[in-house]
């Protein structure tokens, strides 16, 4: 995976630590290939979670999986939970038009600048 990142940086001229705009981030993300899912991926995610003080153990989450209807189910559940007074965030892997539509907080898409800053 690290090799893919280094090759991608060469392709789009991405210097580590440099602020990027939304279009540069999208260009970079478009060069990445999907990693194979195996024990190494799980270990990396557990390490990342540990760096962030095991945040996954501190928040309640709902996982929605399946073939069809995930986005509709997510948005419907989020609306119900928000009406009950919960703070709701959505994150899902596929996008239709833009990358930042994958991250939603209290029914608001993450703004392009915020998305670029986080990535």
C-alpha atoms as a PDB file:
ATOM      1  CA  UNK A   1       0.000   0.000   0.000  1.00  0.00           C
ATOM      2  CA  UNK A   2       2.803   2.403   0.859  1.00  0.00           C
ATOM      3  CA  UNK A   3       4.272   1.746  -2.567  1.00  0.00           C
ATOM      4  CA  UNK A   4       0.939   2.693  -4.159  1.00  0.00           C
ATOM      5  CA  UNK A   5       0.886   5.938  -2.175  1.00  0.00           C
ATOM      6  CA  UNK A   6       4.442   6.840  -3.216  1.00  0.00           C
ATOM      7  CA  UNK A   7       3.647   6.103  -6.867  1.00  0.00           C
ATOM      8  CA  UNK A   8       0.457   8.140  -6.623  1.00  0.00           C
ATOM      9  CA  UNK A   9       2.359  11.074  -5.140  1.00  0.00           C
ATOM     10  CA  UNK A  10       4.714  11.017  -8.110  1.00  0.00           C
ATOM     11  CA  UNK A  11       1.821  10.932 -10.573  1.00  0.00           C
ATOM     12  CA  UNK A  12       0.028  13.983  -9.189  1.00  0.00           C
ATOM     13  CA  UNK A  13       3.013  15.820  -7.731  1.00  0.00           C
ATOM     14  CA  UNK A  14       1.751  15.569  -4.158  1.00  0.00           C
ATOM     15  CA  UNK A  15       4.311  16.675  -1.593  1.00  0.00           C
ATOM     16  CA  UNK A  16       3.812  15.341   1.913  1.00  0.00           C
ATOM     17  CA  UNK A  17       2.612  17.981   4.388  1.00  0.00           C
ATOM     18  CA  UNK A  18       1.530  20.519   1.756  1.00  0.00           C
ATOM     19  CA  UNK A  19      -1.980  21.941   1.941  1.00  0.00           C
ATOM     20  CA  UNK A  20      -4.060  20.896  -1.052  1.00  0.00           C
ATOM     21  CA  UNK A  21      -7.270  22.187  -2.533  1.00  0.00           C
ATOM     22  CA  UNK A  22     -10.294  19.976  -3.147  1.00  0.00           C
ATOM     23  CA  UNK A  23      -9.472  19.288  -6.819  1.00  0.00           C
ATOM     24  CA  UNK A  24      -5.911  18.216  -5.959  1.00  0.00           C
ATOM     25  CA  UNK A  25      -7.240  15.856  -3.291  1.00  0.00           C
ATOM     26  CA  UNK A  26      -9.758  14.360  -5.746  1.00  0.00           C
ATOM     27  CA  UNK A  27      -7.012  13.889  -8.359  1.00  0.00           C
ATOM     28  CA  UNK A  28      -4.906  12.100  -5.744  1.00  0.00           C
ATOM     29  CA  UNK A  29      -7.780   9.879  -4.563  1.00  0.00           C
ATOM     30  CA  UNK A  30      -8.545   8.924  -8.171  1.00  0.00           C
ATOM     31  CA  UNK A  31      -5.015   7.516  -8.544  1.00  0.00           C
ATOM     32  CA  UNK A  32      -5.360   5.131  -5.603  1.00  0.00           C
ATOM     33  CA  UNK A  33      -6.297   1.515  -6.091  1.00  0.00           C
ATOM     34  CA  UNK A  34      -8.406  -0.405  -3.627  1.00  0.00           C
ATOM     35  CA  UNK A  35      -6.332  -2.414  -1.193  1.00  0.00           C
ATOM     36  CA  UNK A  36      -6.969  -6.080  -0.738  1.00  0.00           C
ATOM     37  CA  UNK A  37      -8.847  -6.699   2.494  1.00  0.00           C
ATOM     38  CA  UNK A  38      -6.915  -9.009   4.803  1.00  0.00           C
ATOM     39  CA  UNK A  39      -5.484  -9.186   8.316  1.00  0.00           C
ATOM     40  CA  UNK A  40      -2.958  -6.434   7.515  1.00  0.00           C
ATOM     41  CA  UNK A  41      -5.742  -3.988   6.703  1.00  0.00           C
ATOM     42  CA  UNK A  42      -7.501  -4.796   9.971  1.00  0.00           C
ATOM     43  CA  UNK A  43      -4.241  -4.355  11.906  1.00  0.00           C
ATOM     44  CA  UNK A  44      -3.650  -0.953  10.239  1.00  0.00           C
ATOM     45  CA  UNK A  45      -7.156   0.218  11.133  1.00  0.00           C
ATOM     46  CA  UNK A  46      -6.681  -0.956  14.734  1.00  0.00           C
ATOM     47  CA  UNK A  47      -3.383   0.960  14.889  1.00  0.00           C
ATOM     48  CA  UNK A  48      -5.061   4.070  13.499  1.00  0.00           C
ATOM     49  CA  UNK A  49      -7.868   3.722  16.053  1.00  0.00           C
ATOM     50  CA  UNK A  50      -5.272   3.443  18.820  1.00  0.00           C
ATOM     51  CA  UNK A  51      -3.583   6.657  17.619  1.00  0.00           C
ATOM     52  CA  UNK A  52      -6.965   8.385  17.991  1.00  0.00           C
ATOM     53  CA  UNK A  53      -7.366   7.077  21.569  1.00  0.00           C
ATOM     54  CA  UNK A  54      -9.624   4.154  20.575  1.00  0.00           C
ATOM     55  CA  UNK A  55     -12.449   6.420  19.445  1.00  0.00           C
ATOM     56  CA  UNK A  56     -14.290   3.418  17.971  1.00  0.00           C
ATOM     57  CA  UNK A  57     -14.945   2.142  21.485  1.00  0.00           C
ATOM     58  CA  UNK A  58     -16.272   5.509  22.705  1.00  0.00           C
ATOM     59  CA  UNK A  59     -19.064   6.157  20.232  1.00  0.00           C
ATOM     60  CA  UNK A  60     -22.191   4.174  19.450  1.00  0.00           C
ATOM     61  CA  UNK A  61     -22.329   3.049  15.841  1.00  0.00           C
ATOM     62  CA  UNK A  62     -24.733   1.299  13.514  1.00  0.00           C
ATOM     63  CA  UNK A  63     -23.383  -0.702  10.585  1.00  0.00           C
ATOM     64  CA  UNK A  64     -25.612  -1.031   7.540  1.00  0.00           C
ATOM     65  CA  UNK A  65     -24.516  -3.606   4.978  1.00  0.00           C
ATOM     66  CA  UNK A  66     -26.045  -5.469   2.080  1.00  0.00           C
ATOM     67  CA  UNK A  67     -26.488  -5.233  -1.661  1.00  0.00           C
ATOM     68  CA  UNK A  68     -29.196  -2.614  -2.147  1.00  0.00           C
ATOM     69  CA  UNK A  69     -30.771   0.235  -0.200  1.00  0.00           C
ATOM     70  CA  UNK A  70     -27.916   1.147   2.136  1.00  0.00           C
ATOM     71  CA  UNK A  71     -27.925   4.879   1.409  1.00  0.00           C
ATOM     72  CA  UNK A  72     -31.691   5.149   1.791  1.00  0.00           C
ATOM     73  CA  UNK A  73     -31.564   3.149   5.034  1.00  0.00           C
ATOM     74  CA  UNK A  74     -28.713   5.296   6.382  1.00  0.00           C
ATOM     75  CA  UNK A  75     -30.473   8.567   5.633  1.00  0.00           C
ATOM     76  CA  UNK A  76     -33.810   7.320   6.981  1.00  0.00           C
ATOM     77  CA  UNK A  77     -32.207   6.089  10.237  1.00  0.00           C
ATOM     78  CA  UNK A  78     -30.213   9.320  10.566  1.00  0.00           C
ATOM     79  CA  UNK A  79     -33.374  11.406  10.217  1.00  0.00           C
ATOM     80  CA  UNK A  80     -35.173   9.355  12.867  1.00  0.00           C
ATOM     81  CA  UNK A  81     -32.237   9.509  15.284  1.00  0.00           C
ATOM     82  CA  UNK A  82     -31.780  13.247  14.760  1.00  0.00           C
ATOM     83  CA  UNK A  83     -35.482  13.821  15.489  1.00  0.00           C
ATOM     84  CA  UNK A  84     -34.919  11.945  18.766  1.00  0.00           C
ATOM     85  CA  UNK A  85     -32.147  14.393  19.687  1.00  0.00           C
ATOM     86  CA  UNK A  86     -29.080  12.373  18.746  1.00  0.00           C
ATOM     87  CA  UNK A  87     -26.103  13.882  16.959  1.00  0.00           C
ATOM     88  CA  UNK A  88     -25.733  11.811  13.815  1.00  0.00           C
ATOM     89  CA  UNK A  89     -22.845  11.365  11.412  1.00  0.00           C
ATOM     90  CA  UNK A  90     -22.820   9.233   8.276  1.00  0.00           C
ATOM     91  CA  UNK A  91     -19.858   7.750   6.503  1.00  0.00           C
ATOM     92  CA  UNK A  92     -20.081   5.359   3.614  1.00  0.00           C
ATOM     93  CA  UNK A  93     -17.655   4.137   1.018  1.00  0.00           C
ATOM     94  CA  UNK A  94     -19.281   4.717  -2.356  1.00  0.00           C
ATOM     95  CA  UNK A  95     -20.027   8.090  -3.860  1.00  0.00           C
ATOM     96  CA  UNK A  96     -22.123   9.075  -6.857  1.00  0.00           C
ATOM     97  CA  UNK A  97     -20.912  12.555  -7.805  1.00  0.00           C
ATOM     98  CA  UNK A  98     -18.335  13.769  -5.275  1.00  0.00           C
ATOM     99  CA  UNK A  99     -16.065  12.211  -2.665  1.00  0.00           C
ATOM    100  CA  UNK A 100     -17.265  14.486   0.114  1.00  0.00           C
ATOM    101  CA  UNK A 101     -20.843  13.204  -0.176  1.00  0.00           C
ATOM    102  CA  UNK A 102     -19.548  10.170   1.749  1.00  0.00           C
ATOM    103  CA  UNK A 103     -19.273  12.197   4.980  1.00  0.00           C
ATOM    104  CA  UNK A 104     -22.395  13.759   6.507  1.00  0.00           C
ATOM    105  CA  UNK A 105     -22.790  15.356   9.942  1.00  0.00           C
ATOM    106  CA  UNK A 106     -26.258  16.323  11.168  1.00  0.00           C
ATOM    107  CA  UNK A 107     -27.644  16.163   7.619  1.00  0.00           C
ATOM    108  CA  UNK A 108     -24.936  18.494   6.234  1.00  0.00           C
ATOM    109  CA  UNK A 109     -22.367  17.350   3.674  1.00  0.00           C
ATOM    110  CA  UNK A 110     -18.782  18.101   4.595  1.00  0.00           C
ATOM    111  CA  UNK A 111     -17.653  21.208   2.700  1.00  0.00           C
ATOM    112  CA  UNK A 112     -14.990  20.878  -0.030  1.00  0.00           C
ATOM    113  CA  UNK A 113     -12.404  22.861   1.966  1.00  0.00           C
ATOM    114  CA  UNK A 114     -12.990  20.828   5.139  1.00  0.00           C
ATOM    115  CA  UNK A 115     -12.773  17.590   3.143  1.00  0.00           C
ATOM    116  CA  UNK A 116      -9.475  18.681   1.576  1.00  0.00           C
ATOM    117  CA  UNK A 117      -8.103  19.752   4.972  1.00  0.00           C
ATOM    118  CA  UNK A 118      -8.961  16.387   6.546  1.00  0.00           C
ATOM    119  CA  UNK A 119      -7.632  14.260   3.695  1.00  0.00           C
END
